[in-house]
Amino acid sequence: MSDVIELFIAMILIGAAAFAPLGYFIYKFSQKDGKPFGDIEPHGDSPSLVNDLAERVIALVKKQLNKNKASS
């Protein structure tokens, strides 16, 4: 009988760990007027290091391509 109780407790713990992220998301979603992550910009207009780096790389590649076309 103790094996069944141990298995039941283990299953409860595994289920709680598996569904904890879902419970946390529901908790955050209901916390601030349906905004789970607070106030964020809807269009992604905020400055980002990754976006700035990507824009610099793209500009550099375009500059090199234009330089190669002009010299050919």
Protein backbone atom coordinates (compact mmCIF):
# COMPACT_ATOMS: atom_id res chain seq x y z
CA MET A 1 0.00 0.00 0.00
CA SER A 2 2.88 2.39 0.71
CA ASP A 3 4.11 1.96 -2.89
CA VAL A 4 0.80 3.29 -4.17
CA ILE A 5 0.96 6.30 -1.85
CA GLU A 6 4.56 7.04 -2.90
CA LEU A 7 3.60 6.77 -6.56
CA PHE A 8 0.61 9.06 -6.00
CA ILE A 9 2.79 11.69 -4.29
CA ALA A 10 5.43 11.43 -7.04
CA MET A 11 2.76 11.91 -9.72
CA ILE A 12 1.34 14.95 -7.92
CA LEU A 13 4.82 16.51 -7.71
CA ILE A 14 5.58 15.81 -11.38
CA GLY A 15 2.20 17.24 -12.43
CA ALA A 16 2.71 20.35 -10.32
CA ALA A 17 6.14 20.92 -11.87
CA ALA A 18 4.78 20.37 -15.38
CA PHE A 19 1.89 22.81 -15.04
CA ALA A 20 3.66 25.46 -12.93
CA PRO A 21 4.58 27.64 -15.98
CA LEU A 22 0.96 27.62 -17.13
CA GLY A 23 -0.25 28.61 -13.68
CA TYR A 24 2.33 31.39 -13.49
CA PHE A 25 1.27 32.75 -16.89
CA ILE A 26 -2.40 32.72 -15.89
CA TYR A 27 -1.50 34.48 -12.63
CA LYS A 28 0.49 37.20 -14.45
CA PHE A 29 -2.18 37.55 -17.15
CA SER A 30 -4.91 38.22 -14.60
CA GLN A 31 -2.75 40.55 -12.54
CA LYS A 32 -2.53 43.74 -14.64
CA ASP A 33 -5.67 44.23 -16.72
CA GLY A 34 -4.89 41.42 -19.12
CA LYS A 35 -1.29 42.50 -19.69
CA PRO A 36 0.81 39.53 -18.63
CA PHE A 37 4.16 41.23 -19.15
CA GLY A 38 3.33 44.79 -18.09
CA ASP A 39 3.46 47.75 -20.44
CA ILE A 40 5.31 46.83 -23.60
CA GLU A 41 5.50 48.61 -26.92
CA PRO A 42 3.09 46.96 -29.36
CA HIS A 43 5.20 47.48 -32.49
CA GLY A 44 8.68 46.75 -31.18
CA ASP A 45 9.87 50.32 -31.66
CA SER A 46 12.04 50.25 -28.56
CA PRO A 47 15.81 50.40 -29.09
CA SER A 48 17.60 47.08 -29.07
CA LEU A 49 21.28 46.20 -29.17
CA VAL A 50 20.57 43.27 -31.48
CA ASN A 51 18.54 45.41 -33.91
CA ASP A 52 21.22 48.12 -33.94
CA LEU A 53 23.93 45.54 -34.62
CA ALA A 54 21.88 43.95 -37.41
CA GLU A 55 21.28 47.35 -39.02
CA ARG A 56 25.01 48.10 -38.93
CA VAL A 57 25.86 44.74 -40.50
CA ILE A 58 23.26 45.22 -43.24
CA ALA A 59 24.57 48.74 -43.97
CA LEU A 60 28.13 47.41 -44.12
CA VAL A 61 27.17 44.62 -46.52
CA LYS A 62 25.25 47.05 -48.74
CA LYS A 63 28.23 49.40 -48.75
CA GLN A 64 30.58 46.58 -49.76
CA LEU A 65 28.21 45.38 -52.50
CA ASN A 66 27.85 48.90 -53.88
CA LYS A 67 31.65 49.35 -53.78
CA ASN A 68 32.12 46.07 -55.69
CA LYS A 69 29.53 47.05 -58.32
CA ALA A 70 31.15 50.45 -58.85
CA SER A 71 34.62 48.98 -59.34
CA SER A 72 33.47 46.32 -61.84
